[in-house]
Amino acid sequence: MSRFLFASIAAAGSLLLAGAAQAGGCYGGNCYQLVATPPVYKTVAEQVMVRPPQKIARHIAPEYSTVTETVVVEPARTIARHTPAVYGSVAETVMVAPARKEWQVSVDVFGNKTGCWVTVPAQFATRHRHVVVREAQVHYETVPAVHAQRARTVMVRPGQVAYEVIPGEYATRHHQVMVHPGSKAWTPRAY
């Protein structure tokens, strides 16, 4: 009975196809049908940044301390003390004219002129002059330096900037992604 039913339906389909072909439709082995395949999706999980990482600057103040140190108030110096020269007076015999020979002409008692060389002795005189009894002198006196204690503020550690890094925050998000796009294709029609 089922064979009979199948054969009857097939015969009726052939008649319908023949009628459709005569009415401008498709018949025989040249008929195609448009088959649409829907797209395929799946759910995926991914890590997303909820809050970005942050860098926070923290200022650290410099540290100071007081130190005591010895300083020179007045530097050492050398003072020159001058002693003037001492002068005195001395008497000395000096030659005023050297010994020499002179030609002298004399007349004797008879009135005759006689000439001869005569030695004239050197002439001396006493002369007073100033002399240095003691030279001028310079004595150097050293005055020591004067020191004092002084307190001053010094930087022990300079100011700094410390950075604190707060890591970013992430979360898992689920969303649909297309694995395969849908398609439409003409395929031969099965009867």
N, C-alpha and C. Protein backbone atom coordinates (compact mmCIF):
# COMPACT_ATOMS: atom_id res chain seq x y z
N MET A 1 0.83 -1.18 0.00
CA MET A 1 0.00 0.00 0.00
C MET A 1 0.87 1.24 0.00
N SER A 2 1.95 1.19 0.72
CA SER A 2 2.80 2.35 0.76
C SER A 2 3.50 2.54 -0.57
N ARG A 3 3.80 1.43 -1.26
CA ARG A 3 4.40 1.57 -2.58
C ARG A 3 3.40 2.22 -3.53
N PHE A 4 2.21 1.84 -3.37
CA PHE A 4 1.18 2.39 -4.21
C PHE A 4 1.03 3.88 -3.94
N LEU A 5 1.10 4.25 -2.65
CA LEU A 5 0.95 5.64 -2.27
C LEU A 5 2.13 6.46 -2.79
N PHE A 6 3.31 5.95 -2.67
CA PHE A 6 4.51 6.63 -3.15
C PHE A 6 4.45 6.81 -4.64
N ALA A 7 4.03 5.76 -5.35
CA ALA A 7 3.94 5.84 -6.81
C ALA A 7 2.89 6.84 -7.22
N SER A 8 1.80 6.93 -6.45
CA SER A 8 0.75 7.87 -6.78
C SER A 8 1.22 9.30 -6.57
N ILE A 9 1.95 9.50 -5.50
CA ILE A 9 2.46 10.86 -5.21
C ILE A 9 3.48 11.25 -6.26
N ALA A 10 4.34 10.32 -6.66
CA ALA A 10 5.35 10.60 -7.66
C ALA A 10 4.69 10.94 -8.98
N ALA A 11 3.63 10.24 -9.31
CA ALA A 11 2.94 10.50 -10.56
C ALA A 11 2.28 11.86 -10.51
N ALA A 12 1.72 12.19 -9.35
CA ALA A 12 1.06 13.48 -9.22
C ALA A 12 2.09 14.60 -9.30
N GLY A 13 3.28 14.36 -8.69
CA GLY A 13 4.35 15.37 -8.75
C GLY A 13 4.81 15.58 -10.16
N SER A 14 4.91 14.53 -10.92
CA SER A 14 5.35 14.64 -12.30
C SER A 14 4.34 15.44 -13.09
N LEU A 15 3.09 15.22 -12.80
CA LEU A 15 2.06 15.96 -13.51
C LEU A 15 2.14 17.44 -13.13
N LEU A 16 2.39 17.70 -11.86
CA LEU A 16 2.50 19.10 -11.41
C LEU A 16 3.70 19.77 -12.05
N LEU A 17 4.81 19.05 -12.11
CA LEU A 17 6.02 19.61 -12.72
C LEU A 17 5.81 19.85 -14.20
N ALA A 18 5.15 18.93 -14.81
CA ALA A 18 4.89 19.09 -16.23
C ALA A 18 4.01 20.30 -16.45
N GLY A 19 3.01 20.47 -15.55
CA GLY A 19 2.13 21.63 -15.66
C GLY A 19 2.89 22.91 -15.37
N ALA A 20 3.76 22.87 -14.42
CA ALA A 20 4.54 24.07 -14.07
C ALA A 20 5.51 24.41 -15.17
N ALA A 21 6.09 23.37 -15.80
CA ALA A 21 7.04 23.62 -16.88
C ALA A 21 6.33 24.23 -18.07
N GLN A 22 5.09 23.79 -18.31
CA GLN A 22 4.35 24.35 -19.40
C GLN A 22 3.94 25.78 -19.08
N ALA A 23 3.81 26.08 -17.79
CA ALA A 23 3.41 27.43 -17.41
C ALA A 23 4.63 28.32 -17.24
N GLY A 24 5.82 27.94 -17.71
CA GLY A 24 7.04 28.75 -17.59
C GLY A 24 7.89 28.32 -16.42
N GLY A 25 7.65 27.21 -15.77
CA GLY A 25 8.41 26.74 -14.61
C GLY A 25 9.56 25.88 -15.05
N CYS A 26 10.10 25.15 -14.09
CA CYS A 26 11.28 24.33 -14.31
C CYS A 26 10.86 22.87 -14.39
N TYR A 27 11.49 22.08 -15.25
CA TYR A 27 11.17 20.66 -15.34
C TYR A 27 12.40 19.92 -15.81
N GLY A 28 12.40 18.64 -15.66
CA GLY A 28 13.51 17.81 -16.08
C GLY A 28 14.69 17.91 -15.14
N GLY A 29 15.90 17.68 -15.61
CA GLY A 29 17.12 17.70 -14.77
C GLY A 29 17.77 19.06 -14.68
N ASN A 30 17.21 20.10 -15.25
CA ASN A 30 17.81 21.43 -15.24
C ASN A 30 17.23 22.36 -14.19
N CYS A 31 16.61 21.86 -13.22
CA CYS A 31 15.97 22.70 -12.20
C CYS A 31 16.87 22.81 -10.97
N TYR A 32 16.94 24.03 -10.43
CA TYR A 32 17.74 24.31 -9.23
C TYR A 32 16.85 24.98 -8.21
N GLN A 33 17.22 24.81 -6.98
CA GLN A 33 16.49 25.52 -5.92
C GLN A 33 17.49 26.31 -5.08
N LEU A 34 17.07 27.46 -4.55
CA LEU A 34 17.92 28.33 -3.71
C LEU A 34 17.88 27.79 -2.28
N VAL A 35 19.05 27.38 -1.79
CA VAL A 35 19.14 26.82 -0.43
C VAL A 35 19.90 27.82 0.42
N ALA A 36 19.33 28.26 1.55
CA ALA A 36 19.99 29.21 2.47
C ALA A 36 20.48 28.46 3.69
N THR A 37 21.76 28.68 4.03
CA THR A 37 22.34 28.08 5.25
C THR A 37 22.49 29.20 6.27
N PRO A 38 21.92 29.07 7.46
CA PRO A 38 22.02 30.16 8.44
C PRO A 38 23.45 30.29 9.00
N PRO A 39 23.85 31.50 9.47
CA PRO A 39 25.20 31.65 10.05
C PRO A 39 25.30 30.88 11.36
N VAL A 40 26.55 30.49 11.68
CA VAL A 40 26.82 29.73 12.91
C VAL A 40 27.52 30.65 13.90
N TYR A 41 27.03 30.72 15.12
CA TYR A 41 27.62 31.56 16.17
C TYR A 41 28.06 30.69 17.33
N LYS A 42 29.02 31.22 18.09
CA LYS A 42 29.38 30.57 19.36
C LYS A 42 29.73 31.66 20.37
N THR A 43 29.63 31.30 21.64
CA THR A 43 29.93 32.24 22.72
C THR A 43 31.39 32.08 23.12
N VAL A 44 32.14 33.23 23.14
CA VAL A 44 33.56 33.20 23.56
C VAL A 44 33.72 34.11 24.76
N ALA A 45 34.70 33.76 25.58
CA ALA A 45 35.03 34.57 26.76
C ALA A 45 36.37 35.24 26.51
N GLU A 46 36.50 36.52 26.86
CA GLU A 46 37.78 37.22 26.72
C GLU A 46 37.99 38.15 27.90
N GLN A 47 39.28 38.37 28.19
CA GLN A 47 39.66 39.27 29.28
C GLN A 47 39.65 40.69 28.75
N VAL A 48 38.95 41.56 29.45
CA VAL A 48 38.92 42.98 29.08
C VAL A 48 39.36 43.81 30.28
N MET A 49 39.99 44.96 29.99
CA MET A 49 40.45 45.87 31.05
C MET A 49 39.28 46.71 31.54
N VAL A 50 38.98 46.56 32.82
CA VAL A 50 37.92 47.35 33.43
C VAL A 50 38.46 48.69 33.90
N ARG A 51 39.68 48.65 34.49
CA ARG A 51 40.32 49.88 34.96
C ARG A 51 41.80 49.82 34.58
N PRO A 52 42.33 50.86 33.90
CA PRO A 52 43.73 50.82 33.47
C PRO A 52 44.69 50.94 34.67
N PRO A 53 45.96 50.50 34.49
CA PRO A 53 46.93 50.67 35.59
C PRO A 53 47.17 52.15 35.86
N GLN A 54 47.47 52.46 37.11
CA GLN A 54 47.71 53.86 37.51
C GLN A 54 49.07 53.98 38.16
N LYS A 55 49.66 55.17 37.99
CA LYS A 55 50.95 55.48 38.61
C LYS A 55 50.75 56.70 39.48
N ILE A 56 50.91 56.54 40.79
CA ILE A 56 50.68 57.63 41.74
C ILE A 56 52.02 58.11 42.26
N ALA A 57 52.26 59.44 42.14
CA ALA A 57 53.51 60.04 42.63
C ALA A 57 53.32 60.46 44.08
N ARG A 58 54.31 60.09 44.91
CA ARG A 58 54.29 60.47 46.33
C ARG A 58 55.58 61.23 46.60
N HIS A 59 55.43 62.46 47.08
CA HIS A 59 56.60 63.31 47.33
C HIS A 59 57.12 63.07 48.75
N ILE A 60 58.44 62.84 48.84
CA ILE A 60 59.12 62.65 50.13
C ILE A 60 59.97 63.89 50.37
N ALA A 61 59.71 64.59 51.46
CA ALA A 61 60.41 65.85 51.76
C ALA A 61 61.89 65.58 52.07
N PRO A 62 62.77 66.55 51.80
CA PRO A 62 64.19 66.36 52.14
C PRO A 62 64.39 66.39 53.65
N GLU A 63 65.49 65.76 54.09
CA GLU A 63 65.83 65.75 55.52
C GLU A 63 67.01 66.68 55.75
N TYR A 64 66.93 67.44 56.85
CA TYR A 64 67.99 68.38 57.20
C TYR A 64 68.52 68.05 58.59
N SER A 65 69.75 68.49 58.84
CA SER A 65 70.38 68.29 60.15
C SER A 65 71.27 69.50 60.43
N THR A 66 71.53 69.74 61.71
CA THR A 66 72.39 70.85 62.11
C THR A 66 73.76 70.29 62.47
N VAL A 67 74.80 70.88 61.87
CA VAL A 67 76.17 70.46 62.16
C VAL A 67 76.94 71.65 62.71
N THR A 68 77.88 71.35 63.62
CA THR A 68 78.75 72.38 64.18
C THR A 68 80.12 72.20 63.57
N GLU A 69 80.68 73.31 63.11
CA GLU A 69 81.99 73.23 62.48
C GLU A 69 82.85 74.40 62.93
N THR A 70 84.14 74.19 62.86
CA THR A 70 85.10 75.23 63.22
C THR A 70 85.41 76.04 61.97
N VAL A 71 85.26 77.35 62.10
CA VAL A 71 85.52 78.24 60.95
C VAL A 71 86.57 79.27 61.34
N VAL A 72 87.25 79.77 60.35
CA VAL A 72 88.27 80.80 60.55
C VAL A 72 87.58 82.16 60.52
N VAL A 73 87.63 82.84 61.66
CA VAL A 73 87.05 84.19 61.74
C VAL A 73 88.03 85.20 61.15
N GLU A 74 89.30 85.02 61.52
CA GLU A 74 90.34 85.92 61.02
C GLU A 74 91.54 85.05 60.66
N PRO A 75 92.00 85.10 59.42
CA PRO A 75 93.10 84.22 59.02
C PRO A 75 94.42 84.64 59.67
N ALA A 76 95.35 83.68 59.72
CA ALA A 76 96.69 83.99 60.23
C ALA A 76 97.35 85.00 59.31
N ARG A 77 98.16 85.86 59.88
CA ARG A 77 98.82 86.87 59.05
C ARG A 77 100.21 87.15 59.60
N THR A 78 101.03 87.72 58.77
CA THR A 78 102.40 88.07 59.13
C THR A 78 102.53 89.58 59.06
N ILE A 79 103.04 90.15 60.15
CA ILE A 79 103.22 91.60 60.22
C ILE A 79 104.72 91.89 60.14
N ALA A 80 105.09 92.82 59.25
CA ALA A 80 106.49 93.20 59.11
C ALA A 80 106.77 94.41 59.99
N ARG A 81 107.76 94.30 60.85
CA ARG A 81 108.18 95.41 61.72
C ARG A 81 109.53 95.91 61.20
N HIS A 82 109.55 97.17 60.81
CA HIS A 82 110.76 97.76 60.23
C HIS A 82 111.58 98.47 61.33
N THR A 83 112.89 98.18 61.37
CA THR A 83 113.82 98.88 62.25
C THR A 83 114.70 99.72 61.35
N PRO A 84 114.70 101.06 61.56
CA PRO A 84 115.49 101.91 60.65
C PRO A 84 117.00 101.71 60.87
N ALA A 85 117.75 102.10 59.87
CA ALA A 85 119.21 102.00 59.95
C ALA A 85 119.74 103.03 60.97
N VAL A 86 120.89 102.71 61.57
CA VAL A 86 121.55 103.60 62.54
C VAL A 86 122.79 104.17 61.85
N TYR A 87 122.89 105.50 61.86
CA TYR A 87 124.02 106.17 61.21
C TYR A 87 124.93 106.79 62.27
N GLY A 88 126.21 106.92 61.89
CA GLY A 88 127.19 107.59 62.77
C GLY A 88 128.11 108.46 61.93
N SER A 89 128.91 109.27 62.60
CA SER A 89 129.85 110.18 61.91
C SER A 89 131.26 109.70 62.20
N VAL A 90 132.06 109.58 61.17
CA VAL A 90 133.45 109.14 61.34
C VAL A 90 134.36 110.19 60.70
N ALA A 91 135.53 110.31 61.30
CA ALA A 91 136.54 111.24 60.75
C ALA A 91 137.63 110.39 60.14
N GLU A 92 138.04 110.80 58.94
CA GLU A 92 139.11 110.04 58.29
C GLU A 92 140.01 111.01 57.55
N THR A 93 141.24 110.57 57.43
CA THR A 93 142.23 111.38 56.71
C THR A 93 142.21 110.97 55.27
N VAL A 94 142.04 111.98 54.41
CA VAL A 94 141.97 111.70 52.99
C VAL A 94 143.02 112.51 52.27
N MET A 95 143.49 112.00 51.16
CA MET A 95 144.51 112.71 50.37
C MET A 95 143.80 113.78 49.55
N VAL A 96 144.24 114.97 49.71
CA VAL A 96 143.67 116.08 48.96
C VAL A 96 144.41 116.23 47.64
N ALA A 97 145.75 116.08 47.68
CA ALA A 97 146.56 116.18 46.47
C ALA A 97 147.68 115.15 46.57
N PRO A 98 147.93 114.41 45.48
CA PRO A 98 148.98 113.40 45.56
C PRO A 98 150.38 114.06 45.50
N ALA A 99 151.36 113.27 45.86
CA ALA A 99 152.75 113.77 45.77
C ALA A 99 153.09 113.97 44.30
N ARG A 100 153.90 114.99 44.03
CA ARG A 100 154.23 115.28 42.64
C ARG A 100 155.62 115.93 42.56
N LYS A 101 156.10 115.99 41.35
CA LYS A 101 157.40 116.66 41.12
C LYS A 101 157.14 117.96 40.37
N GLU A 102 157.76 119.00 40.82
CA GLU A 102 157.62 120.30 40.16
C GLU A 102 159.01 120.83 39.77
N TRP A 103 159.04 121.51 38.70
CA TRP A 103 160.30 122.16 38.26
C TRP A 103 160.35 123.53 38.90
N GLN A 104 161.36 123.71 39.68
CA GLN A 104 161.48 125.00 40.37
C GLN A 104 162.79 125.70 39.92
N VAL A 105 162.59 126.99 39.69
CA VAL A 105 163.76 127.82 39.32
C VAL A 105 164.04 128.76 40.50
N SER A 106 165.30 128.80 40.92
CA SER A 106 165.68 129.68 42.05
C SER A 106 166.91 130.52 41.67
N VAL A 107 167.05 131.60 42.34
CA VAL A 107 168.21 132.50 42.10
C VAL A 107 169.10 132.38 43.33
N ASP A 108 170.34 132.09 43.08
CA ASP A 108 171.23 131.96 44.25
C ASP A 108 171.71 133.34 44.67
N VAL A 109 172.61 133.37 45.63
CA VAL A 109 173.09 134.62 46.20
C VAL A 109 173.87 135.44 45.20
N PHE A 110 174.37 134.81 44.22
CA PHE A 110 175.16 135.53 43.21
C PHE A 110 174.29 136.02 42.08
N GLY A 111 172.98 135.70 42.12
CA GLY A 111 172.07 136.12 41.06
C GLY A 111 171.96 135.13 39.93
N ASN A 112 172.52 134.00 40.13
CA ASN A 112 172.43 132.98 39.07
C ASN A 112 171.12 132.18 39.23
N LYS A 113 170.50 131.86 38.12
CA LYS A 113 169.28 131.06 38.16
C LYS A 113 169.66 129.59 38.11
N THR A 114 169.01 128.89 38.99
CA THR A 114 169.26 127.45 39.06
C THR A 114 167.89 126.75 38.97
N GLY A 115 167.78 125.72 38.14
CA GLY A 115 166.54 124.96 38.02
C GLY A 115 166.73 123.51 38.44
N CYS A 116 165.74 123.00 39.15
CA CYS A 116 165.79 121.58 39.57
C CYS A 116 164.37 121.05 39.82
N TRP A 117 164.37 119.73 39.82
CA TRP A 117 163.09 119.08 40.11
C TRP A 117 162.95 118.93 41.61
N VAL A 118 161.75 119.36 42.11
CA VAL A 118 161.51 119.31 43.55
C VAL A 118 160.28 118.39 43.78
N THR A 119 160.41 117.50 44.75
CA THR A 119 159.28 116.61 45.09
C THR A 119 158.40 117.30 46.10
N VAL A 120 157.14 117.49 45.72
CA VAL A 120 156.15 118.11 46.62
C VAL A 120 155.39 116.95 47.26
N PRO A 121 155.41 116.87 48.59
CA PRO A 121 154.72 115.73 49.24
C PRO A 121 153.18 115.82 49.06
N ALA A 122 152.54 114.70 49.24
CA ALA A 122 151.08 114.65 49.14
C ALA A 122 150.47 115.47 50.25
N GLN A 123 149.27 116.01 49.99
CA GLN A 123 148.59 116.81 50.98
C GLN A 123 147.37 116.03 51.48
N PHE A 124 147.20 116.01 52.78
CA PHE A 124 146.10 115.29 53.42
C PHE A 124 145.24 116.24 54.21
N ALA A 125 143.95 115.84 54.40
CA ALA A 125 143.02 116.64 55.20
C ALA A 125 142.09 115.65 55.94
N THR A 126 141.47 116.12 57.02
CA THR A 126 140.52 115.29 57.80
C THR A 126 139.12 115.59 57.27
N ARG A 127 138.42 114.51 56.96
CA ARG A 127 137.07 114.66 56.42
C ARG A 127 136.11 113.87 57.30
N HIS A 128 134.97 114.48 57.58
CA HIS A 128 133.93 113.80 58.37
C HIS A 128 132.83 113.36 57.42
N ARG A 129 132.36 112.13 57.62
CA ARG A 129 131.27 111.62 56.78
C ARG A 129 130.36 110.72 57.61
N HIS A 130 129.12 110.59 57.12
CA HIS A 130 128.13 109.73 57.78
C HIS A 130 128.27 108.31 57.24
N VAL A 131 128.23 107.36 58.15
CA VAL A 131 128.31 105.95 57.77
C VAL A 131 127.18 105.18 58.45
N VAL A 132 126.80 104.03 57.86
CA VAL A 132 125.77 103.17 58.45
C VAL A 132 126.43 102.33 59.53
N VAL A 133 125.95 102.54 60.75
CA VAL A 133 126.48 101.75 61.86
C VAL A 133 125.75 100.40 61.90
N ARG A 134 124.43 100.44 61.67
CA ARG A 134 123.64 99.21 61.63
C ARG A 134 122.61 99.34 60.50
N GLU A 135 122.54 98.31 59.68
CA GLU A 135 121.64 98.33 58.52
C GLU A 135 120.17 98.34 59.00
N ALA A 136 119.30 98.83 58.13
CA ALA A 136 117.86 98.75 58.42
C ALA A 136 117.45 97.28 58.39
N GLN A 137 116.52 96.94 59.27
CA GLN A 137 116.12 95.54 59.38
C GLN A 137 114.60 95.43 59.35
N VAL A 138 114.15 94.24 58.95
CA VAL A 138 112.72 93.94 58.95
C VAL A 138 112.54 92.67 59.77
N HIS A 139 111.72 92.76 60.82
CA HIS A 139 111.39 91.60 61.65
C HIS A 139 109.96 91.22 61.34
N TYR A 140 109.73 89.93 61.13
CA TYR A 140 108.39 89.45 60.80
C TYR A 140 107.78 88.78 62.03
N GLU A 141 106.55 89.22 62.30
CA GLU A 141 105.82 88.67 63.45
C GLU A 141 104.57 87.96 62.92
N THR A 142 104.37 86.71 63.30
CA THR A 142 103.22 85.93 62.84
C THR A 142 102.12 85.99 63.88
N VAL A 143 100.94 86.44 63.44
CA VAL A 143 99.76 86.49 64.31
C VAL A 143 98.91 85.28 63.94
N PRO A 144 98.62 84.38 64.89
CA PRO A 144 97.87 83.16 64.55
C PRO A 144 96.41 83.48 64.15
N ALA A 145 95.81 82.53 63.45
CA ALA A 145 94.41 82.69 63.01
C ALA A 145 93.47 82.62 64.20
N VAL A 146 92.32 83.25 64.05
CA VAL A 146 91.29 83.24 65.09
C VAL A 146 90.17 82.33 64.58
N HIS A 147 89.81 81.30 65.38
CA HIS A 147 88.78 80.35 65.01
C HIS A 147 87.55 80.50 65.90
N ALA A 148 86.41 80.02 65.40
CA ALA A 148 85.17 80.03 66.18
C ALA A 148 84.32 78.85 65.74
N GLN A 149 83.35 78.48 66.57
CA GLN A 149 82.42 77.40 66.26
C GLN A 149 81.16 78.00 65.63
N ARG A 150 80.68 77.36 64.57
CA ARG A 150 79.49 77.86 63.90
C ARG A 150 78.57 76.68 63.59
N ALA A 151 77.29 76.86 63.85
CA ALA A 151 76.29 75.82 63.55
C ALA A 151 75.59 76.20 62.27
N ARG A 152 75.40 75.22 61.40
CA ARG A 152 74.68 75.48 60.16
C ARG A 152 73.83 74.27 59.80
N THR A 153 72.80 74.53 59.00
CA THR A 153 71.87 73.48 58.59
C THR A 153 72.33 72.90 57.25
N VAL A 154 72.40 71.57 57.20
CA VAL A 154 72.82 70.90 55.97
C VAL A 154 71.75 69.88 55.57
N MET A 155 71.68 69.60 54.27
CA MET A 155 70.73 68.61 53.78
C MET A 155 71.35 67.22 53.91
N VAL A 156 70.67 66.36 54.65
CA VAL A 156 71.16 64.99 54.83
C VAL A 156 70.71 64.11 53.68
N ARG A 157 69.44 64.29 53.26
CA ARG A 157 68.91 63.50 52.15
C ARG A 157 68.03 64.41 51.30
N PRO A 158 68.25 64.47 50.00
CA PRO A 158 67.42 65.35 49.16
C PRO A 158 66.00 64.82 49.04
N GLY A 159 65.12 65.72 48.64
CA GLY A 159 63.73 65.32 48.42
C GLY A 159 63.63 64.33 47.27
N GLN A 160 62.62 63.48 47.34
CA GLN A 160 62.46 62.45 46.33
C GLN A 160 61.00 62.35 45.91
N VAL A 161 60.79 61.71 44.78
CA VAL A 161 59.45 61.39 44.32
C VAL A 161 59.39 59.88 44.17
N ALA A 162 58.52 59.23 44.96
CA ALA A 162 58.35 57.78 44.87
C ALA A 162 57.07 57.49 44.09
N TYR A 163 57.14 56.55 43.20
CA TYR A 163 55.99 56.21 42.37
C TYR A 163 55.42 54.86 42.81
N GLU A 164 54.10 54.84 43.01
CA GLU A 164 53.41 53.61 43.37
C GLU A 164 52.55 53.21 42.18
N VAL A 165 52.70 51.97 41.74
CA VAL A 165 51.96 51.50 40.57
C VAL A 165 50.81 50.61 41.04
N ILE A 166 49.60 50.99 40.67
CA ILE A 166 48.41 50.19 40.97
C ILE A 166 48.06 49.44 39.69
N PRO A 167 48.10 48.10 39.75
CA PRO A 167 47.86 47.35 38.50
C PRO A 167 46.44 47.55 37.99
N GLY A 168 46.27 47.31 36.70
CA GLY A 168 44.95 47.42 36.08
C GLY A 168 44.03 46.30 36.55
N GLU A 169 42.74 46.52 36.36
CA GLU A 169 41.75 45.53 36.78
C GLU A 169 41.10 44.95 35.52
N TYR A 170 40.99 43.62 35.50
CA TYR A 170 40.47 42.93 34.33
C TYR A 170 39.23 42.11 34.72
N ALA A 171 38.36 41.84 33.75
CA ALA A 171 37.17 41.02 33.97
C ALA A 171 36.93 40.18 32.72
N THR A 172 36.17 39.10 32.90
CA THR A 172 35.85 38.21 31.78
C THR A 172 34.50 38.62 31.21
N ARG A 173 34.46 38.86 29.92
CA ARG A 173 33.23 39.22 29.22
C ARG A 173 32.92 38.12 28.19
N HIS A 174 31.62 37.77 28.08
CA HIS A 174 31.18 36.77 27.11
C HIS A 174 30.42 37.48 26.00
N HIS A 175 30.71 37.08 24.77
CA HIS A 175 29.95 37.63 23.66
C HIS A 175 29.91 36.61 22.52
N GLN A 176 28.94 36.85 21.63
CA GLN A 176 28.72 35.95 20.51
C GLN A 176 29.62 36.37 19.35
N VAL A 177 30.27 35.37 18.75
CA VAL A 177 31.05 35.63 17.55
C VAL A 177 30.58 34.69 16.45
N MET A 178 30.66 35.14 15.24
CA MET A 178 30.23 34.33 14.10
C MET A 178 31.36 33.39 13.73
N VAL A 179 31.10 32.12 13.76
CA VAL A 179 32.11 31.12 13.39
C VAL A 179 32.07 30.91 11.88
N HIS A 180 30.87 30.88 11.35
CA HIS A 180 30.72 30.65 9.90
C HIS A 180 29.56 31.51 9.42
N PRO A 181 29.77 32.34 8.40
CA PRO A 181 28.66 33.17 7.93
C PRO A 181 27.62 32.30 7.19
N GLY A 182 26.43 32.73 7.22
CA GLY A 182 25.39 32.02 6.47
C GLY A 182 25.66 32.12 4.98
N SER A 183 25.06 31.24 4.21
CA SER A 183 25.30 31.26 2.76
C SER A 183 24.00 30.95 2.02
N LYS A 184 23.97 31.37 0.77
CA LYS A 184 22.85 31.05 -0.12
C LYS A 184 23.48 30.49 -1.39
N ALA A 185 22.94 29.35 -1.84
CA ALA A 185 23.49 28.73 -3.04
C ALA A 185 22.39 28.02 -3.81
N TRP A 186 22.54 27.99 -5.10
CA TRP A 186 21.61 27.24 -5.97
C TRP A 186 22.12 25.81 -6.07
N THR A 187 21.27 24.89 -5.73
CA THR A 187 21.64 23.47 -5.82
C THR A 187 20.62 22.76 -6.71
N PRO A 188 21.07 21.68 -7.38
CA PRO A 188 20.11 20.94 -8.23
C PRO A 188 18.94 20.44 -7.41
N ARG A 189 17.80 20.55 -8.00
CA ARG A 189 16.60 20.19 -7.26
C ARG A 189 16.39 18.68 -7.33
N ALA A 190 16.12 18.13 -6.16
CA ALA A 190 15.85 16.69 -6.09
C ALA A 190 14.35 16.46 -6.20
N TYR A 191 13.89 15.46 -6.99
CA TYR A 191 12.44 15.18 -7.16
C TYR A 191 12.07 13.96 -6.43
